[in-house]
Amino acid sequence: MGLTSVFLEVENKNVFILGTGEVATRRANRFLDKGANVILAGTDMADELKEKGAILKPLENLEELVEWSDIVITASGDEELSKYIASISKDKLLNRSEKPEEGNLIVPTSFLIDDIEISIFTNGKSPLMAKELRKRIQATIKKEDLLEIKLQDYTRTLLKEKLDNQKDRKEILYKILNDSQIQNLLKNDKLDDAKKLADSIIKDL
């Protein structure tokens, strides 16, 4: 499989999901949370999806739903129906949750830690290990790492106004990243003080 990881803008995109079970619900939540328009086909639908604006359709006129969609997801226990939907989705982004190797779009396990979004994909070899790796990553990232991201974002904005050369900006960002006093401030949850110190470093340029 010639797959590579990307982040896709899905706001206002149309997503059709065949199925309404656990996997389908997880997929729907992912896309709804990012502003997509979601229609599921099945017999019932979780209340949480209704509250977010998802629409439930019966298992009929499926060709029209595929035509309407930008992204097609098969998450149904009906193998023949999933295969049929895949066969008429040739020009669409297609995620086959039950057979990911037969689609062209993967929806990996993904989670947020503050402003960080992390996705894990094991090429379909072990969803269980994807969950275990998620736990390990979550345990590794510290609060000061999250504050460092906020500080770097703040500093990058200031540097773009002061320095035109990207290489020069990068050197200052590394200087701030490796500054022991700034690191101590972040460890003690003193982001505002760390920003002031970064300000002073930039001011002296």
N, C-alpha and C. Protein backbone atom coordinates (compact mmCIF):
# COMPACT_ATOMS: atom_id res chain seq x y z
N MET A 1 0.85 -1.20 0.00
CA MET A 1 0.00 0.00 0.00
C MET A 1 0.88 1.25 0.00
N GLY A 2 0.61 2.17 -0.94
CA GLY A 2 1.41 3.39 -1.02
C GLY A 2 0.80 4.51 -0.21
N LEU A 3 0.68 4.30 1.08
CA LEU A 3 0.02 5.26 1.95
C LEU A 3 1.01 6.21 2.61
N THR A 4 0.56 7.45 2.83
CA THR A 4 1.34 8.40 3.61
C THR A 4 0.38 9.20 4.47
N SER A 5 0.85 9.69 5.59
CA SER A 5 -0.04 10.41 6.50
C SER A 5 -0.21 11.86 6.06
N VAL A 6 -1.44 12.34 6.10
CA VAL A 6 -1.77 13.73 5.78
C VAL A 6 -2.91 14.16 6.71
N PHE A 7 -3.10 15.49 6.82
CA PHE A 7 -4.28 16.01 7.49
C PHE A 7 -5.16 16.63 6.41
N LEU A 8 -6.42 16.26 6.41
CA LEU A 8 -7.35 16.65 5.36
C LEU A 8 -8.37 17.65 5.89
N GLU A 9 -8.57 18.75 5.20
CA GLU A 9 -9.58 19.73 5.57
C GLU A 9 -10.96 19.17 5.21
N VAL A 10 -11.79 18.95 6.23
CA VAL A 10 -13.10 18.31 5.99
C VAL A 10 -14.28 19.22 6.36
N GLU A 11 -14.00 20.43 6.78
CA GLU A 11 -15.12 21.31 7.11
C GLU A 11 -16.00 21.53 5.89
N ASN A 12 -17.31 21.32 6.06
CA ASN A 12 -18.31 21.47 4.99
C ASN A 12 -18.21 20.39 3.91
N LYS A 13 -17.36 19.40 4.10
CA LYS A 13 -17.32 18.28 3.16
C LYS A 13 -18.47 17.32 3.49
N ASN A 14 -18.92 16.59 2.48
CA ASN A 14 -20.03 15.64 2.65
C ASN A 14 -19.49 14.23 2.87
N VAL A 15 -19.90 13.64 4.00
CA VAL A 15 -19.40 12.32 4.36
C VAL A 15 -20.58 11.35 4.47
N PHE A 16 -20.52 10.28 3.68
CA PHE A 16 -21.54 9.23 3.75
C PHE A 16 -20.94 8.01 4.43
N ILE A 17 -21.64 7.52 5.45
CA ILE A 17 -21.17 6.36 6.20
C ILE A 17 -22.20 5.24 6.09
N LEU A 18 -21.79 4.12 5.55
CA LEU A 18 -22.65 2.94 5.50
C LEU A 18 -22.50 2.21 6.83
N GLY A 19 -23.58 2.19 7.60
CA GLY A 19 -23.53 1.56 8.90
C GLY A 19 -23.82 2.55 10.02
N THR A 20 -24.27 2.02 11.16
CA THR A 20 -24.59 2.89 12.29
C THR A 20 -24.10 2.29 13.62
N GLY A 21 -23.22 1.31 13.54
CA GLY A 21 -22.72 0.65 14.74
C GLY A 21 -21.61 1.43 15.42
N GLU A 22 -20.85 0.74 16.25
CA GLU A 22 -19.81 1.38 17.05
C GLU A 22 -18.75 2.07 16.19
N VAL A 23 -18.25 1.36 15.19
CA VAL A 23 -17.21 1.93 14.34
C VAL A 23 -17.77 3.10 13.55
N ALA A 24 -18.95 2.94 12.99
CA ALA A 24 -19.58 4.01 12.23
C ALA A 24 -19.79 5.24 13.10
N THR A 25 -20.19 5.03 14.35
CA THR A 25 -20.41 6.15 15.27
C THR A 25 -19.12 6.88 15.57
N ARG A 26 -18.03 6.13 15.77
CA ARG A 26 -16.73 6.77 16.00
C ARG A 26 -16.31 7.59 14.79
N ARG A 27 -16.47 7.02 13.61
CA ARG A 27 -16.11 7.75 12.40
C ARG A 27 -16.95 9.02 12.26
N ALA A 28 -18.25 8.88 12.49
CA ALA A 28 -19.15 10.03 12.35
C ALA A 28 -18.76 11.14 13.33
N ASN A 29 -18.47 10.78 14.56
CA ASN A 29 -18.06 11.78 15.55
C ASN A 29 -16.82 12.53 15.11
N ARG A 30 -15.86 11.80 14.57
CA ARG A 30 -14.61 12.43 14.11
C ARG A 30 -14.90 13.53 13.09
N PHE A 31 -15.73 13.19 12.10
CA PHE A 31 -15.99 14.15 11.03
C PHE A 31 -16.93 15.26 11.47
N LEU A 32 -17.91 14.94 12.27
CA LEU A 32 -18.83 15.96 12.78
C LEU A 32 -18.09 16.98 13.63
N ASP A 33 -17.16 16.53 14.43
CA ASP A 33 -16.41 17.42 15.30
C ASP A 33 -15.55 18.40 14.51
N LYS A 34 -15.25 18.06 13.26
CA LYS A 34 -14.45 18.94 12.41
C LYS A 34 -15.30 19.71 11.39
N GLY A 35 -16.62 19.67 11.57
CA GLY A 35 -17.48 20.51 10.74
C GLY A 35 -17.98 19.91 9.45
N ALA A 36 -17.85 18.59 9.29
CA ALA A 36 -18.33 17.96 8.06
C ALA A 36 -19.84 17.71 8.13
N ASN A 37 -20.45 17.53 6.96
CA ASN A 37 -21.85 17.14 6.86
C ASN A 37 -21.90 15.62 6.77
N VAL A 38 -22.61 14.98 7.69
CA VAL A 38 -22.54 13.52 7.78
C VAL A 38 -23.92 12.88 7.64
N ILE A 39 -24.01 11.91 6.75
CA ILE A 39 -25.22 11.08 6.60
C ILE A 39 -24.82 9.63 6.84
N LEU A 40 -25.56 8.95 7.70
CA LEU A 40 -25.36 7.53 7.93
C LEU A 40 -26.54 6.76 7.36
N ALA A 41 -26.29 5.57 6.85
CA ALA A 41 -27.35 4.71 6.34
C ALA A 41 -27.44 3.48 7.21
N GLY A 42 -28.64 3.23 7.75
CA GLY A 42 -28.84 2.09 8.63
C GLY A 42 -30.22 2.12 9.24
N THR A 43 -30.39 1.39 10.32
CA THR A 43 -31.71 1.29 10.94
C THR A 43 -31.91 2.23 12.13
N ASP A 44 -30.83 2.59 12.79
CA ASP A 44 -30.94 3.52 13.92
C ASP A 44 -29.62 4.28 14.06
N MET A 45 -29.58 5.26 14.97
CA MET A 45 -28.39 6.09 15.10
C MET A 45 -28.28 6.58 16.54
N ALA A 46 -27.08 6.70 17.03
CA ALA A 46 -26.84 7.17 18.40
C ALA A 46 -27.37 8.60 18.57
N ASP A 47 -27.95 8.87 19.73
CA ASP A 47 -28.50 10.19 20.00
C ASP A 47 -27.43 11.28 19.91
N GLU A 48 -26.20 10.95 20.31
CA GLU A 48 -25.14 11.95 20.28
C GLU A 48 -24.89 12.45 18.86
N LEU A 49 -25.08 11.57 17.88
CA LEU A 49 -24.88 11.98 16.49
C LEU A 49 -26.01 12.89 16.03
N LYS A 50 -27.24 12.59 16.46
CA LYS A 50 -28.37 13.45 16.12
C LYS A 50 -28.17 14.86 16.66
N GLU A 51 -27.66 14.94 17.90
CA GLU A 51 -27.43 16.23 18.53
C GLU A 51 -26.38 17.04 17.80
N LYS A 52 -25.45 16.36 17.13
CA LYS A 52 -24.40 17.05 16.40
C LYS A 52 -24.80 17.38 14.96
N GLY A 53 -25.99 16.93 14.56
CA GLY A 53 -26.48 17.28 13.23
C GLY A 53 -26.37 16.20 12.18
N ALA A 54 -25.98 14.99 12.57
CA ALA A 54 -25.92 13.90 11.60
C ALA A 54 -27.33 13.52 11.15
N ILE A 55 -27.43 12.99 9.94
CA ILE A 55 -28.71 12.59 9.37
C ILE A 55 -28.71 11.08 9.15
N LEU A 56 -29.80 10.43 9.51
CA LEU A 56 -29.97 9.00 9.30
C LEU A 56 -30.85 8.74 8.09
N LYS A 57 -30.37 7.87 7.20
CA LYS A 57 -31.14 7.49 6.01
C LYS A 57 -31.33 5.97 6.01
N PRO A 58 -32.43 5.50 5.41
CA PRO A 58 -32.62 4.05 5.30
C PRO A 58 -31.66 3.46 4.27
N LEU A 59 -31.57 2.15 4.26
CA LEU A 59 -30.66 1.47 3.33
C LEU A 59 -31.30 1.36 1.94
N GLU A 60 -31.53 2.50 1.36
CA GLU A 60 -32.07 2.57 0.00
C GLU A 60 -31.56 3.85 -0.66
N ASN A 61 -31.65 3.91 -1.98
CA ASN A 61 -31.12 5.05 -2.73
C ASN A 61 -29.67 5.34 -2.36
N LEU A 62 -28.90 4.29 -2.15
CA LEU A 62 -27.52 4.45 -1.71
C LEU A 62 -26.64 5.08 -2.79
N GLU A 63 -27.00 4.83 -4.04
CA GLU A 63 -26.24 5.42 -5.14
C GLU A 63 -26.28 6.95 -5.06
N GLU A 64 -27.43 7.51 -4.69
CA GLU A 64 -27.56 8.96 -4.56
C GLU A 64 -26.71 9.49 -3.42
N LEU A 65 -26.63 8.73 -2.34
CA LEU A 65 -25.82 9.16 -1.21
C LEU A 65 -24.33 9.13 -1.56
N VAL A 66 -23.92 8.13 -2.31
CA VAL A 66 -22.53 8.08 -2.75
C VAL A 66 -22.23 9.26 -3.67
N GLU A 67 -23.15 9.55 -4.58
CA GLU A 67 -22.97 10.68 -5.50
C GLU A 67 -22.87 12.00 -4.73
N TRP A 68 -23.65 12.15 -3.67
CA TRP A 68 -23.66 13.37 -2.85
C TRP A 68 -22.36 13.57 -2.10
N SER A 69 -21.68 12.49 -1.79
CA SER A 69 -20.56 12.54 -0.85
C SER A 69 -19.23 12.93 -1.49
N ASP A 70 -18.37 13.49 -0.63
CA ASP A 70 -16.96 13.68 -0.98
C ASP A 70 -16.14 12.52 -0.43
N ILE A 71 -16.59 11.99 0.70
CA ILE A 71 -15.90 10.89 1.38
C ILE A 71 -16.92 9.79 1.66
N VAL A 72 -16.56 8.55 1.35
CA VAL A 72 -17.43 7.40 1.61
C VAL A 72 -16.74 6.49 2.62
N ILE A 73 -17.50 6.06 3.61
CA ILE A 73 -16.97 5.15 4.63
C ILE A 73 -17.88 3.93 4.73
N THR A 74 -17.30 2.74 4.61
CA THR A 74 -18.09 1.54 4.83
C THR A 74 -17.74 1.00 6.22
N ALA A 75 -18.77 0.92 7.06
CA ALA A 75 -18.59 0.42 8.44
C ALA A 75 -19.79 -0.43 8.79
N SER A 76 -20.04 -1.39 7.94
CA SER A 76 -21.22 -2.24 8.07
C SER A 76 -20.83 -3.70 8.15
N GLY A 77 -21.65 -4.49 8.83
CA GLY A 77 -21.41 -5.92 8.89
C GLY A 77 -21.86 -6.66 7.65
N ASP A 78 -22.52 -5.93 6.74
CA ASP A 78 -22.99 -6.53 5.49
C ASP A 78 -21.87 -6.45 4.46
N GLU A 79 -21.12 -7.53 4.32
CA GLU A 79 -19.95 -7.53 3.45
C GLU A 79 -20.30 -7.27 1.99
N GLU A 80 -21.37 -7.88 1.51
CA GLU A 80 -21.75 -7.69 0.11
C GLU A 80 -22.16 -6.26 -0.18
N LEU A 81 -22.91 -5.66 0.75
CA LEU A 81 -23.34 -4.28 0.56
C LEU A 81 -22.14 -3.33 0.61
N SER A 82 -21.22 -3.59 1.53
CA SER A 82 -20.01 -2.77 1.63
C SER A 82 -19.20 -2.87 0.34
N LYS A 83 -19.11 -4.07 -0.19
CA LYS A 83 -18.37 -4.28 -1.44
C LYS A 83 -19.03 -3.53 -2.59
N TYR A 84 -20.36 -3.53 -2.61
CA TYR A 84 -21.08 -2.82 -3.66
C TYR A 84 -20.84 -1.31 -3.56
N ILE A 85 -20.95 -0.77 -2.34
CA ILE A 85 -20.73 0.66 -2.15
C ILE A 85 -19.32 1.04 -2.58
N ALA A 86 -18.35 0.21 -2.24
CA ALA A 86 -16.97 0.47 -2.64
C ALA A 86 -16.83 0.49 -4.16
N SER A 87 -17.57 -0.40 -4.82
CA SER A 87 -17.46 -0.52 -6.28
C SER A 87 -18.00 0.70 -7.01
N ILE A 88 -18.93 1.43 -6.39
CA ILE A 88 -19.50 2.62 -7.06
C ILE A 88 -18.91 3.91 -6.50
N SER A 89 -17.83 3.78 -5.73
CA SER A 89 -17.19 4.96 -5.13
C SER A 89 -15.81 5.21 -5.71
N LYS A 90 -15.63 4.87 -6.96
CA LYS A 90 -14.31 4.89 -7.58
C LYS A 90 -13.67 6.27 -7.60
N ASP A 91 -14.45 7.33 -7.75
CA ASP A 91 -13.88 8.66 -7.83
C ASP A 91 -13.94 9.39 -6.49
N LYS A 92 -14.21 8.66 -5.42
CA LYS A 92 -14.35 9.26 -4.10
C LYS A 92 -13.19 8.85 -3.20
N LEU A 93 -13.00 9.62 -2.14
CA LEU A 93 -12.13 9.15 -1.06
C LEU A 93 -12.91 8.07 -0.32
N LEU A 94 -12.32 6.88 -0.20
CA LEU A 94 -13.03 5.73 0.34
C LEU A 94 -12.27 5.13 1.51
N ASN A 95 -12.96 5.07 2.65
CA ASN A 95 -12.42 4.39 3.83
C ASN A 95 -13.23 3.13 4.08
N ARG A 96 -12.57 1.98 4.00
CA ARG A 96 -13.24 0.72 4.29
C ARG A 96 -12.75 0.26 5.67
N SER A 97 -13.52 0.54 6.67
CA SER A 97 -13.07 0.25 8.04
C SER A 97 -12.81 -1.23 8.26
N GLU A 98 -13.57 -2.08 7.55
CA GLU A 98 -13.43 -3.52 7.73
C GLU A 98 -12.31 -4.10 6.86
N LYS A 99 -11.98 -3.40 5.77
CA LYS A 99 -10.90 -3.84 4.88
C LYS A 99 -10.14 -2.61 4.40
N PRO A 100 -9.35 -2.00 5.27
CA PRO A 100 -8.68 -0.73 4.94
C PRO A 100 -7.79 -0.81 3.71
N GLU A 101 -7.24 -1.99 3.44
CA GLU A 101 -6.35 -2.13 2.29
C GLU A 101 -7.09 -1.99 0.97
N GLU A 102 -8.43 -2.07 0.99
CA GLU A 102 -9.20 -1.95 -0.25
C GLU A 102 -9.76 -0.54 -0.46
N GLY A 103 -9.42 0.37 0.43
CA GLY A 103 -9.82 1.76 0.25
C GLY A 103 -8.61 2.62 -0.08
N ASN A 104 -8.83 3.92 -0.22
CA ASN A 104 -7.71 4.83 -0.49
C ASN A 104 -7.59 5.91 0.60
N LEU A 105 -8.34 5.73 1.68
CA LEU A 105 -8.31 6.67 2.79
C LEU A 105 -8.31 5.89 4.10
N ILE A 106 -7.36 6.18 4.97
CA ILE A 106 -7.28 5.55 6.28
C ILE A 106 -7.70 6.56 7.34
N VAL A 107 -8.51 6.12 8.29
CA VAL A 107 -8.87 6.96 9.44
C VAL A 107 -8.21 6.31 10.66
N PRO A 108 -7.00 6.74 11.01
CA PRO A 108 -6.27 6.08 12.08
C PRO A 108 -6.80 6.46 13.46
N THR A 109 -6.40 5.71 14.46
CA THR A 109 -6.71 6.12 15.82
C THR A 109 -6.02 7.45 16.07
N SER A 110 -6.72 8.38 16.65
CA SER A 110 -6.20 9.74 16.80
C SER A 110 -6.65 10.31 18.13
N PHE A 111 -5.82 11.15 18.73
CA PHE A 111 -6.20 11.74 20.00
C PHE A 111 -5.54 13.11 20.15
N LEU A 112 -6.14 13.92 21.00
CA LEU A 112 -5.65 15.27 21.26
C LEU A 112 -5.06 15.36 22.65
N ILE A 113 -3.93 16.04 22.75
CA ILE A 113 -3.38 16.44 24.03
C ILE A 113 -3.18 17.95 23.92
N ASP A 114 -4.11 18.71 24.46
CA ASP A 114 -4.09 20.16 24.32
C ASP A 114 -4.09 20.51 22.83
N ASP A 115 -3.03 21.18 22.34
CA ASP A 115 -2.99 21.60 20.94
C ASP A 115 -2.33 20.56 20.03
N ILE A 116 -1.94 19.43 20.60
CA ILE A 116 -1.26 18.40 19.81
C ILE A 116 -2.27 17.35 19.37
N GLU A 117 -2.29 17.06 18.08
CA GLU A 117 -3.09 15.93 17.59
C GLU A 117 -2.14 14.85 17.10
N ILE A 118 -2.32 13.66 17.61
CA ILE A 118 -1.43 12.54 17.30
C ILE A 118 -2.24 11.39 16.71
N SER A 119 -1.77 10.88 15.58
CA SER A 119 -2.43 9.74 14.93
C SER A 119 -1.47 8.56 14.89
N ILE A 120 -2.02 7.37 15.05
CA ILE A 120 -1.21 6.14 15.02
C ILE A 120 -1.84 5.16 14.04
N PHE A 121 -1.03 4.64 13.15
CA PHE A 121 -1.52 3.67 12.17
C PHE A 121 -0.52 2.53 12.08
N THR A 122 -0.97 1.32 12.29
CA THR A 122 -0.09 0.15 12.26
C THR A 122 -0.24 -0.63 10.97
N ASN A 123 -0.70 0.04 9.91
CA ASN A 123 -0.95 -0.64 8.63
C ASN A 123 -1.94 -1.77 8.78
N GLY A 124 -2.87 -1.61 9.73
CA GLY A 124 -3.91 -2.59 9.94
C GLY A 124 -3.45 -3.85 10.64
N LYS A 125 -2.20 -3.87 11.10
CA LYS A 125 -1.64 -5.09 11.69
C LYS A 125 -2.07 -5.31 13.13
N SER A 126 -2.29 -4.20 13.87
CA SER A 126 -2.63 -4.39 15.28
C SER A 126 -3.31 -3.16 15.86
N PRO A 127 -4.63 -3.07 15.73
CA PRO A 127 -5.37 -1.97 16.38
C PRO A 127 -5.16 -1.96 17.89
N LEU A 128 -4.96 -3.14 18.48
CA LEU A 128 -4.72 -3.21 19.91
C LEU A 128 -3.44 -2.50 20.30
N MET A 129 -2.37 -2.71 19.52
CA MET A 129 -1.11 -2.04 19.82
C MET A 129 -1.19 -0.55 19.56
N ALA A 130 -2.02 -0.15 18.62
CA ALA A 130 -2.22 1.29 18.40
C ALA A 130 -2.75 1.94 19.68
N LYS A 131 -3.67 1.25 20.35
CA LYS A 131 -4.22 1.76 21.61
C LYS A 131 -3.17 1.78 22.71
N GLU A 132 -2.34 0.72 22.75
CA GLU A 132 -1.29 0.67 23.77
C GLU A 132 -0.25 1.76 23.56
N LEU A 133 0.13 1.99 22.29
CA LEU A 133 1.08 3.05 21.99
C LEU A 133 0.52 4.42 22.33
N ARG A 134 -0.78 4.57 22.14
CA ARG A 134 -1.43 5.83 22.52
C ARG A 134 -1.23 6.10 24.01
N LYS A 135 -1.44 5.09 24.83
CA LYS A 135 -1.28 5.26 26.28
C LYS A 135 0.15 5.65 26.63
N ARG A 136 1.12 5.04 25.95
CA ARG A 136 2.52 5.33 26.25
C ARG A 136 2.88 6.76 25.84
N ILE A 137 2.38 7.18 24.70
CA ILE A 137 2.66 8.54 24.24
C ILE A 137 2.04 9.55 25.18
N GLN A 138 0.81 9.31 25.59
CA GLN A 138 0.13 10.21 26.50
C GLN A 138 0.90 10.34 27.82
N ALA A 139 1.49 9.25 28.26
CA ALA A 139 2.24 9.27 29.51
C ALA A 139 3.58 9.99 29.37
N THR A 140 4.09 10.06 28.13
CA THR A 140 5.40 10.66 27.89
C THR A 140 5.36 12.18 27.81
N ILE A 141 4.30 12.72 27.21
CA ILE A 141 4.21 14.16 26.99
C ILE A 141 3.87 14.87 28.31
N LYS A 142 4.71 15.82 28.69
CA LYS A 142 4.56 16.51 29.96
C LYS A 142 3.89 17.87 29.76
N LYS A 143 3.44 18.44 30.87
CA LYS A 143 2.77 19.73 30.81
C LYS A 143 3.68 20.80 30.25
N GLU A 144 4.97 20.77 30.63
CA GLU A 144 5.89 21.79 30.13
C GLU A 144 6.09 21.68 28.62
N ASP A 145 5.91 20.47 28.06
CA ASP A 145 5.99 20.32 26.60
C ASP A 145 4.85 21.09 25.93
N LEU A 146 3.67 21.01 26.51
CA LEU A 146 2.52 21.72 25.97
C LEU A 146 2.69 23.23 26.09
N LEU A 147 3.26 23.67 27.21
CA LEU A 147 3.51 25.10 27.40
C LEU A 147 4.60 25.58 26.44
N GLU A 148 5.57 24.71 26.15
CA GLU A 148 6.63 25.06 25.20
C GLU A 148 6.04 25.32 23.81
N ILE A 149 5.05 24.55 23.43
CA ILE A 149 4.40 24.77 22.14
C ILE A 149 3.75 26.15 22.11
N LYS A 150 3.06 26.52 23.17
CA LYS A 150 2.44 27.84 23.24
C LYS A 150 3.49 28.95 23.20
N LEU A 151 4.60 28.74 23.89
CA LEU A 151 5.67 29.73 23.90
C LEU A 151 6.31 29.85 22.52
N GLN A 152 6.54 28.72 21.86
CA GLN A 152 7.14 28.76 20.53
C GLN A 152 6.23 29.45 19.53
N ASP A 153 4.94 29.21 19.63
CA ASP A 153 3.98 29.88 18.75
C ASP A 153 4.02 31.39 18.98
N TYR A 154 4.03 31.79 20.24
CA TYR A 154 4.12 33.21 20.61
C TYR A 154 5.41 33.83 20.07
N THR A 155 6.51 33.11 20.24
CA THR A 155 7.81 33.64 19.82
C THR A 155 7.93 33.70 18.31
N ARG A 156 7.43 32.70 17.61
CA ARG A 156 7.49 32.70 16.15
C ARG A 156 6.77 33.90 15.57
N THR A 157 5.63 34.24 16.16
CA THR A 157 4.87 35.40 15.69
C THR A 157 5.68 36.69 15.83
N LEU A 158 6.35 36.84 16.96
CA LEU A 158 7.18 38.03 17.18
C LEU A 158 8.36 38.07 16.22
N LEU A 159 8.98 36.92 16.02
CA LEU A 159 10.17 36.87 15.17
C LEU A 159 9.85 37.16 13.71
N LYS A 160 8.67 36.74 13.26
CA LYS A 160 8.29 37.01 11.87
C LYS A 160 8.18 38.51 11.60
N GLU A 161 7.88 39.29 12.64
CA GLU A 161 7.79 40.74 12.51
C GLU A 161 9.17 41.41 12.56
N LYS A 162 10.14 40.68 13.10
CA LYS A 162 11.46 41.27 13.32
C LYS A 162 12.53 40.75 12.37
N LEU A 163 12.44 39.48 11.99
CA LEU A 163 13.45 38.86 11.14
C LEU A 163 12.83 38.29 9.88
N ASP A 164 13.39 38.62 8.74
CA ASP A 164 12.88 38.09 7.47
C ASP A 164 13.44 36.71 7.15
N ASN A 165 14.64 36.45 7.62
CA ASN A 165 15.32 35.20 7.28
C ASN A 165 14.83 34.05 8.17
N GLN A 166 14.33 33.01 7.53
CA GLN A 166 13.79 31.88 8.28
C GLN A 166 14.87 31.17 9.09
N LYS A 167 16.08 31.10 8.55
CA LYS A 167 17.17 30.44 9.25
C LYS A 167 17.51 31.18 10.53
N ASP A 168 17.50 32.52 10.49
CA ASP A 168 17.78 33.32 11.68
C ASP A 168 16.69 33.12 12.73
N ARG A 169 15.45 33.04 12.28
CA ARG A 169 14.35 32.81 13.22
C ARG A 169 14.50 31.46 13.90
N LYS A 170 14.90 30.46 13.12
CA LYS A 170 15.05 29.11 13.65
C LYS A 170 16.12 29.07 14.73
N GLU A 171 17.21 29.80 14.54
CA GLU A 171 18.29 29.82 15.53
C GLU A 171 17.81 30.40 16.85
N ILE A 172 17.02 31.45 16.80
CA ILE A 172 16.49 32.06 18.01
C ILE A 172 15.50 31.14 18.70
N LEU A 173 14.68 30.46 17.90
CA LEU A 173 13.72 29.52 18.48
C LEU A 173 14.44 28.39 19.23
N TYR A 174 15.54 27.91 18.65
CA TYR A 174 16.33 26.88 19.34
C TYR A 174 16.96 27.44 20.62
N LYS A 175 17.39 28.69 20.55
CA LYS A 175 17.99 29.32 21.72
C LYS A 175 16.98 29.39 22.87
N ILE A 176 15.77 29.74 22.54
CA ILE A 176 14.70 29.81 23.55
C ILE A 176 14.34 28.41 24.05
N LEU A 177 14.29 27.46 23.11
CA LEU A 177 13.97 26.08 23.47
C LEU A 177 14.97 25.51 24.47
N ASN A 178 16.24 25.88 24.32
CA ASN A 178 17.30 25.31 25.15
C ASN A 178 17.70 26.20 26.32
N ASP A 179 16.99 27.28 26.52
CA ASP A 179 17.31 28.18 27.62
C ASP A 179 16.86 27.55 28.95
N SER A 180 17.80 27.30 29.85
CA SER A 180 17.49 26.60 31.10
C SER A 180 16.55 27.40 31.99
N GLN A 181 16.69 28.72 31.99
CA GLN A 181 15.81 29.55 32.83
C GLN A 181 14.36 29.48 32.33
N ILE A 182 14.21 29.52 31.03
CA ILE A 182 12.87 29.41 30.44
C ILE A 182 12.29 28.04 30.73
N GLN A 183 13.10 27.00 30.62
CA GLN A 183 12.61 25.65 30.89
C GLN A 183 12.15 25.50 32.34
N ASN A 184 12.87 26.10 33.26
CA ASN A 184 12.47 26.04 34.67
C ASN A 184 11.14 26.76 34.90
N LEU A 185 10.96 27.87 34.21
CA LEU A 185 9.69 28.61 34.34
C LEU A 185 8.52 27.76 33.83
N LEU A 186 8.73 27.09 32.71
CA LEU A 186 7.67 26.26 32.15
C LEU A 186 7.36 25.07 33.05
N LYS A 187 8.38 24.49 33.64
CA LYS A 187 8.17 23.37 34.56
C LYS A 187 7.35 23.78 35.77
N ASN A 188 7.44 25.08 36.10
CA ASN A 188 6.69 25.60 37.24
C ASN A 188 5.40 26.32 36.81
N ASP A 189 4.99 26.04 35.55
CA ASP A 189 3.71 26.54 35.04
C ASP A 189 3.67 28.07 34.98
N LYS A 190 4.79 28.68 34.63
CA LYS A 190 4.88 30.14 34.58
C LYS A 190 5.09 30.58 33.12
N LEU A 191 4.07 30.35 32.32
CA LEU A 191 4.17 30.67 30.89
C LEU A 191 4.34 32.16 30.66
N ASP A 192 3.61 33.00 31.38
CA ASP A 192 3.72 34.44 31.18
C ASP A 192 5.13 34.95 31.47
N ASP A 193 5.74 34.41 32.53
CA ASP A 193 7.12 34.80 32.84
C ASP A 193 8.08 34.31 31.77
N ALA A 194 7.81 33.13 31.24
CA ALA A 194 8.65 32.60 30.16
C ALA A 194 8.54 33.47 28.91
N LYS A 195 7.33 33.97 28.64
CA LYS A 195 7.14 34.87 27.49
C LYS A 195 7.93 36.17 27.68
N LYS A 196 7.94 36.68 28.90
CA LYS A 196 8.68 37.92 29.18
C LYS A 196 10.17 37.72 28.95
N LEU A 197 10.67 36.57 29.36
CA LEU A 197 12.08 36.28 29.15
C LEU A 197 12.39 36.12 27.67
N ALA A 198 11.49 35.47 26.95
CA ALA A 198 11.65 35.34 25.50
C ALA A 198 11.61 36.70 24.85
N ASP A 199 10.74 37.58 25.32
CA ASP A 199 10.66 38.95 24.81
C ASP A 199 12.02 39.64 24.94
N SER A 200 12.65 39.47 26.09
CA SER A 200 13.93 40.13 26.33
C SER A 200 15.02 39.60 25.41
N ILE A 201 14.96 38.30 25.11
CA ILE A 201 15.94 37.71 24.19
C ILE A 201 15.76 38.29 22.79
N ILE A 202 14.51 38.41 22.36
CA ILE A 202 14.21 38.93 21.03
C ILE A 202 14.54 40.43 20.96
N LYS A 203 14.28 41.14 22.03
CA LYS A 203 14.53 42.58 22.06
C LYS A 203 16.01 42.90 21.87
N ASP A 204 16.87 42.00 22.33
CA ASP A 204 18.32 42.23 22.23
C ASP A 204 18.90 41.88 20.88
N LEU A 205 18.08 41.44 19.95
CA LEU A 205 18.59 41.06 18.62
C LEU A 205 19.08 42.29 17.85
